[in-house]
Protein backbone atom coordinates (compact mmCIF):
# COMPACT_ATOMS: atom_id res chain seq x y z
CA UNK A 1 27.60 -9.05 -14.23
CA UNK A 2 26.55 -11.29 -17.20
CA UNK A 3 28.61 -13.23 -19.55
CA UNK A 4 27.58 -13.48 -23.21
CA UNK A 5 24.21 -11.75 -22.51
CA UNK A 6 22.10 -9.86 -24.97
CA UNK A 7 20.00 -6.87 -23.95
CA UNK A 8 16.42 -6.46 -25.12
CA UNK A 9 15.22 -3.57 -27.37
CA UNK A 10 15.34 -1.17 -24.29
CA UNK A 11 19.05 -1.94 -23.65
CA UNK A 12 18.10 -4.08 -20.54
CA UNK A 13 19.94 -7.24 -19.76
CA UNK A 14 18.03 -10.20 -18.47
CA UNK A 15 18.11 -11.42 -14.84
CA UNK A 16 19.16 -14.94 -14.00
CA UNK A 17 16.69 -17.82 -14.29
CA UNK A 18 16.55 -21.06 -12.21
CA UNK A 19 18.59 -22.75 -14.83
CA UNK A 20 21.47 -20.41 -15.00
CA UNK A 21 24.81 -20.89 -13.24
CA UNK A 22 25.40 -17.92 -10.82
CA UNK A 23 28.40 -17.36 -8.96
CA UNK A 24 28.59 -15.14 -5.72
CA UNK A 25 31.02 -14.57 -2.99
CA UNK A 26 31.05 -14.16 0.93
CA UNK A 27 27.92 -16.36 1.66
CA UNK A 28 25.74 -14.71 4.39
CA UNK A 29 27.92 -11.70 4.62
CA UNK A 30 26.37 -8.29 3.98
CA UNK A 31 26.71 -8.04 0.16
CA UNK A 32 25.41 -11.54 -0.23
CA UNK A 33 22.49 -10.69 2.12
CA UNK A 34 21.63 -7.59 0.00
CA UNK A 35 21.84 -9.71 -3.20
CA UNK A 36 19.71 -12.51 -1.81
CA UNK A 37 17.02 -10.02 -0.49
CA UNK A 38 16.77 -8.40 -3.94
CA UNK A 39 16.51 -11.89 -5.63
CA UNK A 40 13.74 -13.01 -3.17
CA UNK A 41 11.80 -9.76 -2.40
CA UNK A 42 12.43 -7.54 -5.47
CA UNK A 43 13.32 -9.51 -8.63
CA UNK A 44 11.53 -12.74 -7.49
CA UNK A 45 14.26 -14.95 -8.81
CA UNK A 46 14.50 -18.49 -7.79
CA UNK A 47 18.32 -19.36 -8.34
CA UNK A 48 20.62 -21.07 -5.94
CA UNK A 49 24.02 -19.31 -6.15
CA UNK A 50 27.37 -21.11 -6.32
CA UNK A 51 29.71 -19.54 -3.68
CA UNK A 52 33.41 -18.48 -3.72
CA UNK A 53 35.26 -17.21 -0.68
CA UNK A 54 35.74 -13.62 -1.71
CA UNK A 55 35.71 -10.82 -4.31
CA UNK A 56 39.14 -11.94 -5.65
CA UNK A 57 37.80 -15.40 -6.26
CA UNK A 58 34.79 -13.85 -8.09
CA UNK A 59 37.13 -11.86 -10.10
CA UNK A 60 38.90 -15.09 -11.28
CA UNK A 61 35.63 -16.59 -12.04
CA UNK A 62 34.49 -13.59 -14.11
CA UNK A 63 37.76 -13.61 -15.96
CA UNK A 64 37.59 -17.19 -16.98
CA UNK A 65 33.94 -17.80 -17.17
CA UNK A 66 34.24 -21.01 -15.53
CA UNK A 67 33.15 -22.51 -12.00
CA UNK A 68 34.05 -26.19 -11.36
CA UNK A 69 34.32 -26.96 -14.98
CA UNK A 70 31.02 -25.43 -15.81
CA UNK A 71 30.27 -22.24 -18.00
CA UNK A 72 29.10 -19.37 -15.84
CA UNK A 73 26.28 -17.23 -16.71
CA UNK A 74 26.33 -14.55 -13.96
CA UNK A 75 28.89 -13.42 -11.34
CA UNK A 76 27.82 -11.22 -8.42
CA UNK A 77 30.83 -8.99 -7.93
CA UNK A 78 31.99 -5.80 -6.36
CA UNK A 79 34.11 -2.78 -7.45
CA UNK A 80 36.85 -2.39 -8.29
CA UNK A 81 36.95 -6.23 -9.25
CA UNK A 82 34.33 -5.71 -11.81
CA UNK A 83 36.15 -2.94 -13.70
CA UNK A 84 39.41 -4.73 -13.35
CA UNK A 85 37.86 -7.80 -15.09
CA UNK A 86 36.14 -5.99 -17.85
CA UNK A 87 39.50 -4.06 -18.70
CA UNK A 88 41.69 -7.14 -18.81
CA UNK A 89 42.44 -7.81 -22.47
CA UNK A 90 43.90 -11.31 -21.41
CA UNK A 91 40.84 -12.43 -19.74
CA UNK A 92 38.97 -15.28 -21.58
CA UNK A 93 35.79 -13.29 -21.22
CA UNK A 94 37.07 -9.97 -22.44
CA UNK A 95 34.50 -8.23 -24.55
CA UNK A 96 31.90 -10.70 -23.27
CA UNK A 97 30.95 -9.17 -19.89
CA UNK A 98 27.92 -6.87 -19.26
CA UNK A 99 26.60 -5.07 -16.16
CA UNK A 100 23.12 -6.59 -15.72
CA UNK A 101 22.20 -4.57 -12.64
CA UNK A 102 23.70 -1.95 -10.39
CA UNK A 103 23.11 -3.38 -6.83
CA UNK A 104 23.45 -0.01 -5.29
CA UNK A 105 20.72 1.56 -7.48
CA UNK A 106 18.55 -1.65 -7.26
CA UNK A 107 18.77 -1.56 -3.35
CA UNK A 108 17.62 2.14 -3.34
CA UNK A 109 14.68 1.30 -5.60
CA UNK A 110 13.80 -1.57 -3.27
CA UNK A 111 14.41 -0.08 -0.05
CA UNK A 112 14.52 3.82 -0.46
CA UNK A 113 17.84 3.65 1.34
CA UNK A 114 20.87 5.69 0.04
CA UNK A 115 23.43 3.08 0.42
CA UNK A 116 24.63 -0.26 1.57
CA UNK A 117 26.17 -0.24 4.97
CA UNK A 118 29.08 -2.53 5.43
CA UNK A 119 31.87 -0.57 7.11
CA UNK A 120 32.07 1.33 10.47
CA UNK A 121 34.48 2.89 12.76
CA UNK A 122 34.56 1.47 16.09
CA UNK A 123 36.06 3.26 18.99
CA UNK A 124 37.18 2.07 22.54
CA UNK A 125 35.20 3.84 25.31
CA UNK A 126 38.39 5.38 26.82
CA UNK A 127 39.19 7.17 23.54
CA UNK A 128 35.63 8.46 23.51
CA UNK A 129 35.98 9.70 27.14
CA UNK A 130 39.61 11.08 26.80
CA UNK A 131 40.38 11.88 23.07
CA UNK A 132 37.26 13.37 21.52
CA UNK A 133 39.19 15.99 19.94
CA UNK A 134 41.39 13.51 18.24
CA UNK A 135 38.45 11.52 17.17
CA UNK A 136 36.66 14.46 15.70
CA UNK A 137 39.95 15.27 13.73
CA UNK A 138 40.09 11.59 12.48
CA UNK A 139 36.44 11.51 11.42
CA UNK A 140 36.75 15.01 9.69
CA UNK A 141 39.77 13.56 7.70
CA UNK A 142 37.67 10.34 6.71
CA UNK A 143 34.85 12.59 5.62
CA UNK A 144 37.12 14.84 3.53
CA UNK A 145 38.67 11.83 1.82
CA UNK A 146 35.39 10.29 0.95
CA UNK A 147 34.38 13.59 -0.61
CA UNK A 148 37.42 13.68 -2.63
CA UNK A 149 36.91 10.03 -3.81
CA UNK A 150 33.39 10.90 -4.71
CA UNK A 151 33.63 14.18 -6.40
CA UNK A 152 37.21 14.45 -7.45
CA UNK A 153 38.45 10.89 -8.52
CA UNK A 154 41.49 12.50 -10.43
CA UNK A 155 42.80 13.94 -7.16
CA UNK A 156 42.07 10.59 -5.38
CA UNK A 157 44.11 8.84 -8.15
CA UNK A 158 46.91 11.37 -7.92
CA UNK A 159 47.30 10.54 -4.18
CA UNK A 160 47.50 6.78 -4.97
CA UNK A 161 50.13 7.63 -7.59
CA UNK A 162 52.39 8.71 -4.76
CA UNK A 163 52.73 5.01 -3.88
CA UNK A 164 54.92 4.09 -6.90
CA UNK A 165 54.20 2.01 -9.98
CA UNK A 166 50.59 0.59 -10.88
CA UNK A 167 51.76 -2.83 -9.76
CA UNK A 168 52.89 -1.34 -6.35
CA UNK A 169 49.75 0.37 -5.93
CA UNK A 170 47.68 -2.76 -6.70
CA UNK A 171 49.84 -4.84 -4.23
CA UNK A 172 49.15 -2.28 -1.40
CA UNK A 173 45.49 -1.37 -2.06
CA UNK A 174 44.13 -4.15 -4.26
CA UNK A 175 43.67 -1.67 -7.22
CA UNK A 176 45.57 1.22 -8.82
CA UNK A 177 45.02 4.81 -9.65
CA UNK A 178 43.65 4.14 -13.08
CA UNK A 179 40.95 1.80 -11.74
CA UNK A 180 39.92 4.46 -9.07
CA UNK A 181 39.41 6.96 -12.05
CA UNK A 182 37.23 4.47 -14.17
CA UNK A 183 35.27 3.32 -11.10
CA UNK A 184 34.46 6.89 -9.75
CA UNK A 185 34.40 8.87 -12.94
CA UNK A 186 31.44 11.24 -13.88
CA UNK A 187 29.70 10.72 -10.47
CA UNK A 188 29.62 7.04 -10.90
CA UNK A 189 30.78 6.19 -7.42
CA UNK A 190 31.20 2.65 -8.10
CA UNK A 191 32.87 2.16 -4.74
CA UNK A 192 29.47 3.09 -3.06
CA UNK A 193 30.89 5.62 -0.85
CA UNK A 194 28.41 7.64 1.29
CA UNK A 195 29.26 11.25 1.34
CA UNK A 196 27.67 14.07 3.22
CA UNK A 197 24.72 14.34 0.72
CA UNK A 198 23.47 10.99 1.73
CA UNK A 199 23.04 9.08 4.95
CA UNK A 200 22.34 5.54 6.14
CA UNK A 201 20.42 4.50 9.10
CA UNK A 202 22.24 1.37 9.98
CA UNK A 203 19.52 -0.27 11.93
CA UNK A 204 16.92 0.42 9.25
CA UNK A 205 19.27 -1.18 6.73
CA UNK A 206 19.80 -4.37 9.06
CA UNK A 207 16.08 -4.61 9.58
CA UNK A 208 15.56 -4.64 5.73
CA UNK A 209 17.91 -7.70 5.72
CA UNK A 210 16.14 -9.37 8.66
CA UNK A 211 19.33 -9.09 10.73
CA UNK A 212 19.75 -8.06 14.37
CA UNK A 213 20.22 -4.44 15.06
CA UNK A 214 22.39 -2.53 17.29
CA UNK A 215 21.24 -1.05 20.69
CA UNK A 216 21.53 2.82 21.02
CA UNK A 217 24.52 2.62 23.10
CA UNK A 218 26.67 1.82 20.06
CA UNK A 219 25.98 5.01 18.48
CA UNK A 220 27.93 7.91 19.92
CA UNK A 221 27.72 11.74 19.12
CA UNK A 222 31.11 13.35 19.51
């Protein structure tokens, strides 16, 4: 996300230069590794990011537009924090934030891969041996919930509304039903969920980042 950036005649916002103040989060974690790889291999940007601990800190930076007293030019940030910042009328940067690049889309252009792998379900061997039926049931529910979140965000939001007021929802999940509808509407899938229409080869993804891969014994067919 850029602060006070002006698009060119084609509506494209400029990428950071070496002199811009860029703030990112989670140094060396998967989102940062993806961003750094795109900077180095795809965008050919030479810019040393300033790091905060997590997405919550990046959200605070995007709202204030400040980092260690400096004016910030760009913030690398995830959803739903991005939408939360852009909708906050009390933020110092309200109306000044623009989406410069969608990292999911840029990663697919660069790598050809359908998504960014940063979550998994890890199961104890005893459960694999003795509770395959329960595990299939769990994975089926997870898959169904992903389908709802991707293709029917209004239904997903209605489920979150069962948890009380918007403030109660935010305290429990880190976001509320209104943010879910905004992030996921019109097929946007800002959460980057991978439904049954897409797939990720985890080891291929890790290789793209220059990271160690998993041995085959880590992957189990139920």
